[in-house]
Structure formats: structure tokens, C-alpha cells
């Protein structure tokens, strides 16, 4: 059995995603659905999604996230620390 059908009009979704630059996760949380639902709606309405680089522009990373990235890079390139 399928769940309740989620509806959001194109203008409202465009405004949140493009104009206000909200993330898929932020819109999904606000609307009470999964981010993949928002992603499908963007595709259905032919609203282009942002690349990861575009999505991160202007966003501040937490110290914890910065540490994880740094740690991850050190593990990938152990010869760099020699």
C-alpha cells in the first residue's frame, strides 16, 4: 500500500529551492517528506538541481565537519605526511 501523495506547486518549490537557496533536506524537513521526494518533484518540474559545489557556496562548515574532512584526506594520502 502506498503512502499519502505529496503535493507542492512548482512556484512554491522554485521559490524555496532557487530563490531562498534552501537545501533539499531543509525543504523536505519543512514539508514533512524525505529529501528524495523533493528531488523527484524538482525533476518533474524541470527545476535544475545544484551541484555539490554550488550547494556548499556560502555555507559555513562546523568545526566537526572540517575535522572529518581533514581526517579523511589524511587517510587517503598517507604519503603526504611523510
Protein backbone atom coordinates (compact mmCIF):
# COMPACT_ATOMS: atom_id res chain seq x y z
CA UNK A 1 0.00 0.00 0.00
CA UNK A 2 1.32 3.42 -0.95
CA UNK A 3 1.52 6.37 1.42
CA UNK A 4 -0.28 9.67 1.14
CA UNK A 5 0.55 11.56 -2.07
CA UNK A 6 2.70 14.67 -1.51
CA UNK A 7 1.85 17.79 -3.48
CA UNK A 8 3.75 21.07 -3.75
CA UNK A 9 3.21 23.54 -6.57
CA UNK A 10 6.04 24.48 -8.92
CA UNK A 11 6.14 28.13 -7.85
CA UNK A 12 6.42 27.31 -4.14
CA UNK A 13 9.16 24.72 -4.75
CA UNK A 14 11.06 27.04 -7.10
CA UNK A 15 10.88 29.85 -4.57
CA UNK A 16 12.24 27.70 -1.73
CA UNK A 17 14.96 25.96 -3.74
CA UNK A 18 16.11 28.66 -6.16
CA UNK A 19 15.14 32.00 -4.64
CA UNK A 20 15.75 31.19 -0.95
CA UNK A 21 18.52 28.62 -1.74
CA UNK A 22 17.14 26.10 0.73
CA UNK A 23 18.65 22.60 0.55
CA UNK A 24 16.65 19.51 -0.38
CA UNK A 25 16.91 18.40 3.25
CA UNK A 26 15.67 21.75 4.57
CA UNK A 27 12.67 21.77 2.24
CA UNK A 28 11.92 18.12 3.00
CA UNK A 29 12.01 18.71 6.75
CA UNK A 30 9.75 21.74 6.43
CA UNK A 31 7.28 19.79 4.25
CA UNK A 32 7.47 16.56 6.29
CA UNK A 33 8.76 14.34 3.49
CA UNK A 34 12.02 12.58 2.51
CA UNK A 35 14.63 14.60 0.55
CA UNK A 36 14.31 12.16 -2.37
CA UNK A 37 10.66 13.22 -2.68
CA UNK A 38 11.78 16.83 -3.12
CA UNK A 39 14.42 15.74 -5.62
CA UNK A 40 11.78 13.92 -7.70
CA UNK A 41 9.49 16.96 -7.61
CA UNK A 42 12.34 19.20 -8.83
CA UNK A 43 12.91 16.78 -11.72
CA UNK A 44 9.17 16.59 -12.51
CA UNK A 45 9.01 20.40 -12.68
CA UNK A 46 12.29 20.62 -14.69
CA UNK A 47 13.92 22.74 -11.99
CA UNK A 48 17.69 22.14 -12.30
CA UNK A 49 19.40 20.90 -9.15
CA UNK A 50 22.59 22.44 -7.82
CA UNK A 51 25.94 20.65 -7.92
CA UNK A 52 27.53 19.86 -4.55
CA UNK A 53 29.94 22.74 -5.11
CA UNK A 54 27.08 25.15 -5.83
CA UNK A 55 25.14 23.86 -2.83
CA UNK A 56 28.07 24.47 -0.49
CA UNK A 57 28.73 28.03 -1.69
CA UNK A 58 28.11 30.43 1.16
CA UNK A 59 27.62 27.69 3.77
CA UNK A 60 29.81 27.57 6.85
CA UNK A 61 31.11 24.14 7.85
CA UNK A 62 31.03 23.19 11.51
CA UNK A 63 34.38 22.50 13.23
CA UNK A 64 33.38 18.83 13.48
CA UNK A 65 32.76 18.61 9.72
CA UNK A 66 36.06 20.34 8.97
CA UNK A 67 37.88 17.84 11.22
CA UNK A 68 36.20 14.89 9.47
CA UNK A 69 37.20 16.21 6.05
CA UNK A 70 40.76 16.80 7.18
CA UNK A 71 40.98 13.32 8.73
CA UNK A 72 39.53 11.74 5.59
CA UNK A 73 42.08 13.46 3.37
CA UNK A 74 44.97 12.31 5.59
CA UNK A 75 43.79 8.70 5.35
CA UNK A 76 43.61 8.88 1.54
CA UNK A 77 47.08 10.41 1.19
CA UNK A 78 49.32 8.85 3.87
CA UNK A 79 52.49 9.67 1.85
CA UNK A 80 51.72 13.39 2.16
CA UNK A 81 52.52 13.30 5.88
CA UNK A 82 55.92 11.67 5.46
